[in-house]
Amino acid sequence: MDSPESLRVHPRVPFRGHPFQVLAGKMNCSIRLRDLSCGGASGLCDEPLDVGSFITVCFGRENFVEAEVRWVERMSVGLKFTHPLAPGLVRRLHQSHGEFVTTRRKR
């Protein structure tokens, strides 16, 4: 049986919990990302969101991304972007705000 990770279309990259602004109707809140991929994200939101609602995540001054809330567990949320992010944007966000994973050769 395939694991959920092996069924993903876009690989996820880990984040340290950097906050990004979220616009949900008239509500303005933030999400601290745990992971991000071209297709979606998950993290902790500081305001409750409803499954099925559409929100806008602000990844900078010019990067407003619409997403559907796919799941909610307490204050943790899973988002699916209505249009996949460009891999270059995911890479830049990860380099600026993500968790840097390095491998070092053992001596």
Protein backbone atom coordinates (compact mmCIF):
# COMPACT_ATOMS: atom_id res chain seq x y z
CA MET A 1 0.00 0.00 0.00
CA ASP A 2 1.31 3.46 -0.88
CA SER A 3 1.93 5.96 1.92
CA PRO A 4 0.16 9.34 1.76
CA GLU A 5 3.57 10.96 1.18
CA SER A 6 4.28 8.78 -1.86
CA LEU A 7 0.91 9.78 -3.37
CA ARG A 8 1.68 13.51 -3.21
CA VAL A 9 1.93 15.34 -6.52
CA HIS A 10 4.25 18.03 -5.10
CA PRO A 11 7.00 17.35 -2.52
CA ARG A 12 6.69 19.21 0.78
CA VAL A 13 9.45 21.28 2.33
CA PRO A 14 9.59 21.94 6.10
CA PHE A 15 9.19 25.38 7.64
CA ARG A 16 10.07 26.73 11.10
CA GLY A 17 6.73 28.38 11.72
CA HIS A 18 7.32 31.70 10.00
CA PRO A 19 4.03 33.68 10.08
CA PHE A 20 2.33 34.75 6.86
CA GLN A 21 -0.74 37.00 6.68
CA VAL A 22 -4.08 35.35 5.88
CA LEU A 23 -7.19 37.11 4.60
CA ALA A 24 -10.37 35.15 5.29
CA GLY A 25 -13.42 37.18 4.34
CA LYS A 26 -13.31 40.23 6.58
CA MET A 27 -10.93 38.53 9.03
CA ASN A 28 -7.21 39.21 8.98
CA CYS A 29 -5.02 36.64 10.78
CA SER A 30 -1.79 34.71 10.29
CA ILE A 31 -0.61 31.17 9.70
CA ARG A 32 2.72 29.78 10.96
CA LEU A 33 3.74 27.32 8.28
CA ARG A 34 4.94 23.81 9.12
CA ASP A 35 5.37 22.79 5.51
CA LEU A 36 4.83 24.10 2.02
CA SER A 37 4.63 22.60 -1.46
CA CYS A 38 3.60 23.89 -4.86
CA GLY A 39 0.13 22.46 -4.23
CA GLY A 40 -0.58 23.48 -0.64
CA ALA A 41 0.59 24.08 2.90
CA SER A 42 -0.11 23.25 6.52
CA GLY A 43 0.44 25.19 9.69
CA LEU A 44 -1.01 26.77 12.80
CA CYS A 45 -3.56 29.53 12.28
CA ASP A 46 -4.17 32.08 15.04
CA GLU A 47 -7.90 32.26 14.22
CA PRO A 48 -10.34 29.39 13.56
CA LEU A 49 -11.01 28.61 9.90
CA ASP A 50 -13.79 26.48 8.42
CA VAL A 51 -13.20 23.47 6.19
CA GLY A 52 -14.22 24.35 2.64
CA SER A 53 -13.67 28.08 3.03
CA PHE A 54 -11.43 29.99 0.65
CA ILE A 55 -8.71 32.24 2.01
CA THR A 56 -5.82 34.29 0.65
CA VAL A 57 -2.29 33.72 1.91
CA CYS A 58 0.08 36.67 1.49
CA PHE A 59 3.60 35.45 0.66
CA GLY A 60 4.93 38.97 0.24
CA ARG A 61 3.85 42.25 -1.27
CA GLU A 62 3.02 40.79 -4.67
CA ASN A 63 2.34 37.12 -3.95
CA PHE A 64 -1.30 36.68 -2.90
CA VAL A 65 -2.36 33.05 -3.22
CA GLU A 66 -5.91 31.72 -2.94
CA ALA A 67 -6.33 28.45 -1.07
CA GLU A 68 -9.10 26.16 0.10
CA VAL A 69 -9.09 24.98 3.71
CA ARG A 70 -9.07 21.18 3.30
CA TRP A 71 -8.82 20.08 6.94
CA VAL A 72 -8.78 21.56 10.43
CA GLU A 73 -7.57 19.96 13.68
CA ARG A 74 -7.93 22.49 16.49
CA MET A 75 -5.79 25.39 15.23
CA SER A 76 -3.84 23.34 12.66
CA VAL A 77 -5.01 23.68 9.07
CA GLY A 78 -4.27 22.08 5.72
CA LEU A 79 -4.54 24.24 2.62
CA LYS A 80 -4.78 23.40 -1.08
CA PHE A 81 -3.86 26.22 -3.43
CA THR A 82 -6.38 26.90 -6.20
CA HIS A 83 -3.43 27.34 -8.60
CA PRO A 84 -0.12 25.60 -7.86
CA LEU A 85 2.80 27.79 -6.87
CA ALA A 86 5.81 28.01 -9.14
CA PRO A 87 8.66 25.81 -7.85
CA GLY A 88 10.94 28.87 -7.87
CA LEU A 89 8.62 30.72 -5.44
CA VAL A 90 8.53 27.72 -3.09
CA ARG A 91 12.33 27.54 -3.23
CA ARG A 92 12.72 31.29 -2.51
CA LEU A 93 10.26 31.17 0.39
CA HIS A 94 12.06 28.14 1.81
CA GLN A 95 15.44 29.84 1.49
CA SER A 96 14.10 32.98 3.21
CA HIS A 97 11.89 31.48 5.91
CA GLY A 98 12.12 27.69 5.85
CA GLU A 99 14.10 25.10 7.67
CA PHE A 100 17.51 24.56 6.17
CA VAL A 101 18.29 20.89 5.82
CA THR A 102 21.94 20.10 5.22
CA THR A 103 23.84 16.89 5.04
CA ARG A 104 27.45 16.64 6.08
CA ARG A 105 29.86 13.90 5.38
CA LYS A 106 30.99 12.05 8.47
CA ARG A 107 34.72 12.22 9.04
